[in-house]
Amino acid sequence: MDVDGRAEDITEAAWVKLLNADYVDGGLVRAAYAEPRLRQLFPWVGMWELHFSRCAEIPFTWDVPYISPRKGGGFCVEGPSRSESVGVADNAEAAVAIVADHLPPGCGPAFAGNRHELATQEARD
C-alpha cells in the first residue's frame, strides 16, 4: 500500500517525537517502540493515553487497544472502544504485550492516509 515509504517515515517521526516527549510515560513509549508489531503502527497520545493507529493521518483508526495510566500505578489496556477493558498490567512491558496480543487480524504497517482512505484501499485489495 505504501510503495514510497511515506507512511513509514511519518510513523517513525511520530515515534521519535513521543520518545522525547514529557507529556506521556517515557517507559511506556520505549516499551511500545521496542515491540515491532506496535512500532509499525502510528502512535498518538490523548488524555495521557497511548494510542496506536493503522493509519498515519487524522482521523485515525480506533480498532487497536490503547494504554492508559492506572491510578495508583501500572496501566490499563482498554479498547478499542472506550467502553471495553482488555486488562490491567503492573508495568509497561506487560501492558504492551497485552496490546500486541489483541491486535486486529491483518494489522500491518500504518497506511499513509486517514481511516476513510484506508477503508477505501482495503476494499480495493
N, C-alpha and C. Protein backbone atom coordinates (compact mmCIF):
# COMPACT_ATOMS: atom_id res chain seq x y z
N MET A 1 0.81 -1.20 0.00
CA MET A 1 0.00 0.00 0.00
C MET A 1 0.85 1.26 0.00
N ASP A 2 1.99 1.22 0.62
CA ASP A 2 2.82 2.42 0.76
C ASP A 2 4.15 2.19 0.04
N VAL A 3 4.12 2.29 -1.27
CA VAL A 3 5.29 1.96 -2.07
C VAL A 3 6.46 2.89 -1.81
N ASP A 4 6.20 4.17 -1.59
CA ASP A 4 7.29 5.13 -1.45
C ASP A 4 7.83 5.27 -0.02
N GLY A 5 7.29 4.57 0.94
CA GLY A 5 7.80 4.63 2.30
C GLY A 5 7.32 5.83 3.10
N ARG A 6 6.39 6.61 2.56
CA ARG A 6 5.93 7.82 3.24
C ARG A 6 5.32 7.51 4.59
N ALA A 7 4.48 6.50 4.69
CA ALA A 7 3.86 6.17 5.98
C ALA A 7 4.90 5.73 6.99
N GLU A 8 5.89 4.99 6.53
CA GLU A 8 6.95 4.55 7.44
C GLU A 8 7.71 5.75 8.00
N ASP A 9 8.01 6.72 7.16
CA ASP A 9 8.71 7.93 7.60
C ASP A 9 7.86 8.75 8.57
N ILE A 10 6.59 8.90 8.27
CA ILE A 10 5.68 9.66 9.13
C ILE A 10 5.55 8.96 10.48
N THR A 11 5.41 7.65 10.45
CA THR A 11 5.26 6.87 11.67
C THR A 11 6.52 6.95 12.53
N GLU A 12 7.67 6.80 11.91
CA GLU A 12 8.93 6.87 12.66
C GLU A 12 9.10 8.25 13.29
N ALA A 13 8.74 9.30 12.57
CA ALA A 13 8.85 10.66 13.11
C ALA A 13 7.94 10.84 14.32
N ALA A 14 6.75 10.25 14.27
CA ALA A 14 5.83 10.34 15.41
C ALA A 14 6.40 9.61 16.62
N TRP A 15 7.01 8.45 16.39
CA TRP A 15 7.63 7.72 17.49
C TRP A 15 8.78 8.52 18.10
N VAL A 16 9.62 9.10 17.26
CA VAL A 16 10.75 9.90 17.76
C VAL A 16 10.25 11.06 18.61
N LYS A 17 9.19 11.70 18.15
CA LYS A 17 8.61 12.81 18.93
C LYS A 17 8.14 12.32 20.30
N LEU A 18 7.45 11.18 20.33
CA LEU A 18 6.95 10.65 21.60
C LEU A 18 8.08 10.16 22.50
N LEU A 19 9.11 9.60 21.91
CA LEU A 19 10.25 9.13 22.70
C LEU A 19 10.95 10.28 23.42
N ASN A 20 10.77 11.49 22.90
CA ASN A 20 11.39 12.67 23.50
C ASN A 20 10.40 13.57 24.23
N ALA A 21 9.16 13.12 24.37
CA ALA A 21 8.11 13.94 24.98
C ALA A 21 8.09 13.79 26.50
N ASP A 22 7.60 14.82 27.16
CA ASP A 22 7.46 14.75 28.62
C ASP A 22 5.99 14.69 29.04
N TYR A 23 5.08 14.57 28.09
CA TYR A 23 3.65 14.54 28.40
C TYR A 23 3.05 13.13 28.36
N VAL A 24 3.92 12.13 28.26
CA VAL A 24 3.48 10.74 28.29
C VAL A 24 4.59 9.94 28.99
N ASP A 25 4.23 8.84 29.62
CA ASP A 25 5.17 8.00 30.33
C ASP A 25 6.25 7.50 29.37
N GLY A 26 7.48 7.94 29.58
CA GLY A 26 8.59 7.58 28.71
C GLY A 26 8.87 6.09 28.69
N GLY A 27 8.75 5.44 29.83
CA GLY A 27 8.97 3.99 29.89
C GLY A 27 7.95 3.24 29.06
N LEU A 28 6.71 3.72 29.07
CA LEU A 28 5.66 3.10 28.28
C LEU A 28 5.96 3.26 26.79
N VAL A 29 6.34 4.46 26.38
CA VAL A 29 6.64 4.70 24.97
C VAL A 29 7.83 3.84 24.53
N ARG A 30 8.87 3.76 25.35
CA ARG A 30 10.03 2.94 24.99
C ARG A 30 9.63 1.46 24.88
N ALA A 31 8.79 0.98 25.78
CA ALA A 31 8.35 -0.41 25.73
C ALA A 31 7.52 -0.67 24.47
N ALA A 32 6.64 0.25 24.12
CA ALA A 32 5.81 0.09 22.91
C ALA A 32 6.69 0.13 21.66
N TYR A 33 7.65 1.04 21.64
CA TYR A 33 8.54 1.16 20.48
C TYR A 33 9.40 -0.11 20.32
N ALA A 34 9.72 -0.77 21.40
CA ALA A 34 10.52 -1.98 21.35
C ALA A 34 9.75 -3.18 20.79
N GLU A 35 8.42 -3.09 20.74
CA GLU A 35 7.59 -4.18 20.22
C GLU A 35 7.36 -3.93 18.72
N PRO A 36 7.96 -4.74 17.84
CA PRO A 36 7.86 -4.49 16.40
C PRO A 36 6.44 -4.37 15.86
N ARG A 37 5.51 -5.14 16.42
CA ARG A 37 4.13 -5.08 15.92
C ARG A 37 3.48 -3.74 16.24
N LEU A 38 3.88 -3.10 17.34
CA LEU A 38 3.34 -1.78 17.67
C LEU A 38 4.15 -0.67 17.01
N ARG A 39 5.44 -0.86 16.88
CA ARG A 39 6.30 0.17 16.28
C ARG A 39 5.89 0.47 14.84
N GLN A 40 5.28 -0.48 14.14
CA GLN A 40 4.85 -0.24 12.77
C GLN A 40 3.54 0.56 12.69
N LEU A 41 2.87 0.73 13.82
CA LEU A 41 1.62 1.50 13.86
C LEU A 41 1.92 2.95 14.22
N PHE A 42 1.01 3.84 13.86
CA PHE A 42 1.19 5.26 14.15
C PHE A 42 0.78 5.53 15.60
N PRO A 43 1.71 6.05 16.42
CA PRO A 43 1.39 6.31 17.83
C PRO A 43 0.85 7.73 18.01
N TRP A 44 -0.09 7.87 18.92
CA TRP A 44 -0.55 9.21 19.29
C TRP A 44 -1.02 9.19 20.73
N VAL A 45 -1.01 10.36 21.33
CA VAL A 45 -1.36 10.48 22.75
C VAL A 45 -2.53 11.43 22.89
N GLY A 46 -3.48 11.03 23.71
CA GLY A 46 -4.61 11.87 24.07
C GLY A 46 -5.02 11.55 25.49
N MET A 47 -5.19 12.55 26.31
CA MET A 47 -5.60 12.36 27.70
C MET A 47 -4.67 11.39 28.44
N TRP A 48 -3.36 11.51 28.21
CA TRP A 48 -2.32 10.69 28.83
C TRP A 48 -2.39 9.22 28.41
N GLU A 49 -3.17 8.91 27.39
CA GLU A 49 -3.30 7.54 26.88
C GLU A 49 -2.42 7.39 25.64
N LEU A 50 -1.81 6.22 25.50
CA LEU A 50 -1.01 5.92 24.32
C LEU A 50 -1.87 5.09 23.37
N HIS A 51 -2.12 5.66 22.20
CA HIS A 51 -2.96 5.02 21.18
C HIS A 51 -2.10 4.58 20.01
N PHE A 52 -2.64 3.65 19.23
CA PHE A 52 -1.98 3.13 18.04
C PHE A 52 -2.98 3.11 16.91
N SER A 53 -2.58 3.63 15.75
CA SER A 53 -3.48 3.69 14.61
C SER A 53 -2.90 2.95 13.43
N ARG A 54 -3.78 2.36 12.63
CA ARG A 54 -3.35 1.70 11.40
C ARG A 54 -3.18 2.69 10.25
N CYS A 55 -3.45 3.97 10.52
CA CYS A 55 -3.21 5.00 9.51
C CYS A 55 -2.47 6.17 10.16
N ALA A 56 -1.80 6.94 9.32
CA ALA A 56 -0.90 7.97 9.84
C ALA A 56 -1.48 9.38 9.79
N GLU A 57 -2.75 9.52 9.45
CA GLU A 57 -3.36 10.84 9.38
C GLU A 57 -4.72 10.83 10.08
N ILE A 58 -5.11 11.99 10.58
CA ILE A 58 -6.42 12.17 11.23
C ILE A 58 -7.50 12.15 10.15
N PRO A 59 -8.64 11.48 10.37
CA PRO A 59 -8.99 10.72 11.57
C PRO A 59 -8.30 9.36 11.58
N PHE A 60 -7.80 9.01 12.78
CA PHE A 60 -7.11 7.75 12.98
C PHE A 60 -8.09 6.60 13.08
N THR A 61 -7.58 5.38 12.98
CA THR A 61 -8.41 4.20 13.22
C THR A 61 -8.59 4.02 14.73
N TRP A 62 -9.67 3.38 15.11
CA TRP A 62 -9.95 3.06 16.52
C TRP A 62 -10.21 1.56 16.65
N ASP A 63 -9.34 0.75 16.07
CA ASP A 63 -9.55 -0.69 16.13
C ASP A 63 -8.41 -1.43 16.83
N VAL A 64 -7.55 -0.67 17.53
CA VAL A 64 -6.44 -1.23 18.28
C VAL A 64 -6.58 -0.80 19.74
N PRO A 65 -6.41 -1.70 20.69
CA PRO A 65 -6.46 -1.29 22.10
C PRO A 65 -5.42 -0.21 22.40
N TYR A 66 -5.66 0.54 23.45
CA TYR A 66 -4.76 1.62 23.87
C TYR A 66 -4.43 1.45 25.34
N ILE A 67 -3.42 2.19 25.79
CA ILE A 67 -2.92 2.04 27.16
C ILE A 67 -3.08 3.35 27.91
N SER A 68 -3.63 3.28 29.11
CA SER A 68 -3.76 4.47 29.94
C SER A 68 -3.14 4.19 31.32
N PRO A 69 -2.65 5.26 31.96
CA PRO A 69 -2.09 5.07 33.30
C PRO A 69 -3.19 4.69 34.28
N ARG A 70 -2.86 3.84 35.22
CA ARG A 70 -3.83 3.40 36.23
C ARG A 70 -3.56 4.15 37.52
N LYS A 71 -4.60 4.65 38.15
CA LYS A 71 -4.45 5.34 39.43
C LYS A 71 -3.78 4.40 40.42
N GLY A 72 -2.74 4.85 41.05
CA GLY A 72 -2.00 4.04 41.99
C GLY A 72 -0.83 3.30 41.37
N GLY A 73 -0.66 3.41 40.05
CA GLY A 73 0.46 2.77 39.37
C GLY A 73 0.02 1.70 38.39
N GLY A 74 0.87 1.42 37.47
CA GLY A 74 0.55 0.43 36.46
C GLY A 74 -0.27 1.03 35.33
N PHE A 75 -0.86 0.16 34.55
CA PHE A 75 -1.57 0.59 33.34
C PHE A 75 -2.85 -0.19 33.13
N CYS A 76 -3.79 0.44 32.46
CA CYS A 76 -5.00 -0.21 31.99
C CYS A 76 -4.90 -0.32 30.47
N VAL A 77 -5.27 -1.47 29.94
CA VAL A 77 -5.35 -1.64 28.50
C VAL A 77 -6.83 -1.68 28.18
N GLU A 78 -7.24 -0.75 27.33
CA GLU A 78 -8.65 -0.60 27.02
C GLU A 78 -8.84 -0.58 25.52
N GLY A 79 -10.10 -0.74 25.13
CA GLY A 79 -10.44 -0.56 23.73
C GLY A 79 -10.60 -1.86 22.98
N PRO A 80 -10.83 -1.69 21.72
CA PRO A 80 -10.63 -0.45 21.01
C PRO A 80 -11.63 0.66 21.36
N SER A 81 -12.84 0.35 21.78
CA SER A 81 -13.75 1.43 22.15
C SER A 81 -13.55 1.80 23.63
N ARG A 82 -13.99 2.95 24.01
CA ARG A 82 -13.81 3.43 25.38
C ARG A 82 -14.60 2.60 26.40
N SER A 83 -15.55 1.81 25.94
CA SER A 83 -16.35 1.01 26.87
C SER A 83 -15.79 -0.40 27.08
N GLU A 84 -14.65 -0.71 26.45
CA GLU A 84 -14.07 -2.04 26.56
C GLU A 84 -12.79 -2.03 27.38
N SER A 85 -12.70 -2.95 28.33
CA SER A 85 -11.49 -3.12 29.12
C SER A 85 -10.85 -4.45 28.72
N VAL A 86 -9.59 -4.40 28.35
CA VAL A 86 -8.89 -5.61 27.94
C VAL A 86 -8.15 -6.22 29.13
N GLY A 87 -7.56 -5.38 29.97
CA GLY A 87 -6.86 -5.90 31.14
C GLY A 87 -6.05 -4.83 31.84
N VAL A 88 -5.39 -5.21 32.90
CA VAL A 88 -4.51 -4.31 33.65
C VAL A 88 -3.12 -4.93 33.69
N ALA A 89 -2.13 -4.06 33.85
CA ALA A 89 -0.74 -4.51 33.90
C ALA A 89 0.01 -3.70 34.93
N ASP A 90 0.91 -4.36 35.62
CA ASP A 90 1.72 -3.68 36.63
C ASP A 90 2.86 -2.87 36.05
N ASN A 91 3.25 -3.19 34.80
CA ASN A 91 4.36 -2.45 34.20
C ASN A 91 4.11 -2.24 32.71
N ALA A 92 4.93 -1.39 32.12
CA ALA A 92 4.76 -1.01 30.72
C ALA A 92 4.91 -2.20 29.77
N GLU A 93 5.89 -3.04 30.03
CA GLU A 93 6.13 -4.18 29.15
C GLU A 93 4.93 -5.11 29.11
N ALA A 94 4.31 -5.34 30.25
CA ALA A 94 3.13 -6.21 30.30
C ALA A 94 1.95 -5.57 29.58
N ALA A 95 1.78 -4.25 29.72
CA ALA A 95 0.70 -3.55 29.02
C ALA A 95 0.90 -3.65 27.51
N VAL A 96 2.12 -3.45 27.06
CA VAL A 96 2.44 -3.54 25.63
C VAL A 96 2.16 -4.95 25.11
N ALA A 97 2.52 -5.95 25.88
CA ALA A 97 2.27 -7.34 25.46
C ALA A 97 0.78 -7.61 25.30
N ILE A 98 -0.04 -7.04 26.19
CA ILE A 98 -1.49 -7.22 26.09
C ILE A 98 -2.00 -6.61 24.80
N VAL A 99 -1.56 -5.39 24.50
CA VAL A 99 -2.00 -4.74 23.25
C VAL A 99 -1.57 -5.58 22.05
N ALA A 100 -0.31 -5.99 22.02
CA ALA A 100 0.20 -6.77 20.89
C ALA A 100 -0.60 -8.06 20.70
N ASP A 101 -1.02 -8.67 21.79
CA ASP A 101 -1.81 -9.91 21.71
C ASP A 101 -3.25 -9.67 21.28
N HIS A 102 -3.69 -8.41 21.28
CA HIS A 102 -5.07 -8.09 20.92
C HIS A 102 -5.16 -7.23 19.65
N LEU A 103 -4.14 -7.28 18.82
CA LEU A 103 -4.20 -6.54 17.56
C LEU A 103 -5.24 -7.18 16.64
N PRO A 104 -5.91 -6.37 15.84
CA PRO A 104 -6.88 -6.93 14.91
C PRO A 104 -6.19 -7.79 13.85
N PRO A 105 -6.90 -8.74 13.27
CA PRO A 105 -6.32 -9.58 12.22
C PRO A 105 -5.78 -8.73 11.06
N GLY A 106 -4.66 -9.13 10.54
CA GLY A 106 -4.10 -8.43 9.39
C GLY A 106 -3.54 -7.06 9.69
N CYS A 107 -3.31 -6.77 10.96
CA CYS A 107 -2.82 -5.45 11.35
C CYS A 107 -1.37 -5.31 10.90
N GLY A 108 -1.15 -4.43 9.95
CA GLY A 108 0.18 -4.28 9.39
C GLY A 108 0.68 -2.86 9.54
N PRO A 109 1.67 -2.51 8.76
CA PRO A 109 2.24 -1.15 8.87
C PRO A 109 1.18 -0.07 8.64
N ALA A 110 1.40 1.07 9.27
CA ALA A 110 0.48 2.20 9.11
C ALA A 110 0.37 2.60 7.65
N PHE A 111 -0.80 3.04 7.28
CA PHE A 111 -1.13 3.49 5.94
C PHE A 111 -0.94 5.00 5.86
N ALA A 112 -0.42 5.49 4.76
CA ALA A 112 -0.22 6.94 4.58
C ALA A 112 -1.53 7.57 4.13
N GLY A 113 -2.36 7.87 5.09
CA GLY A 113 -3.67 8.47 4.83
C GLY A 113 -4.50 8.35 6.09
N ASN A 114 -5.79 8.69 5.97
CA ASN A 114 -6.67 8.60 7.13
C ASN A 114 -7.50 7.32 7.08
N ARG A 115 -8.35 7.12 8.10
CA ARG A 115 -9.08 5.86 8.18
C ARG A 115 -10.06 5.67 7.03
N HIS A 116 -10.58 6.75 6.47
CA HIS A 116 -11.50 6.63 5.33
C HIS A 116 -10.75 6.18 4.08
N GLU A 117 -9.57 6.75 3.87
CA GLU A 117 -8.74 6.35 2.73
C GLU A 117 -8.25 4.91 2.90
N LEU A 118 -7.92 4.54 4.12
CA LEU A 118 -7.51 3.17 4.40
C LEU A 118 -8.64 2.20 4.08
N ALA A 119 -9.85 2.53 4.49
CA ALA A 119 -11.00 1.65 4.21
C ALA A 119 -11.22 1.49 2.72
N THR A 120 -11.06 2.58 1.97
CA THR A 120 -11.20 2.53 0.52
C THR A 120 -10.12 1.62 -0.08
N GLN A 121 -8.89 1.78 0.39
CA GLN A 121 -7.78 0.96 -0.09
C GLN A 121 -8.01 -0.51 0.24
N GLU A 122 -8.46 -0.79 1.45
CA GLU A 122 -8.71 -2.18 1.85
C GLU A 122 -9.83 -2.81 1.04
N ALA A 123 -10.84 -2.02 0.67
CA ALA A 123 -11.93 -2.53 -0.15
C ALA A 123 -11.45 -2.90 -1.54
N ARG A 124 -10.44 -2.19 -2.04
CA ARG A 124 -9.88 -2.49 -3.36
C ARG A 124 -9.03 -3.76 -3.34
N ASP A 125 -8.36 -3.98 -2.19
CA ASP A 125 -7.42 -5.12 -2.10
C ASP A 125 -8.17 -6.40 -2.00
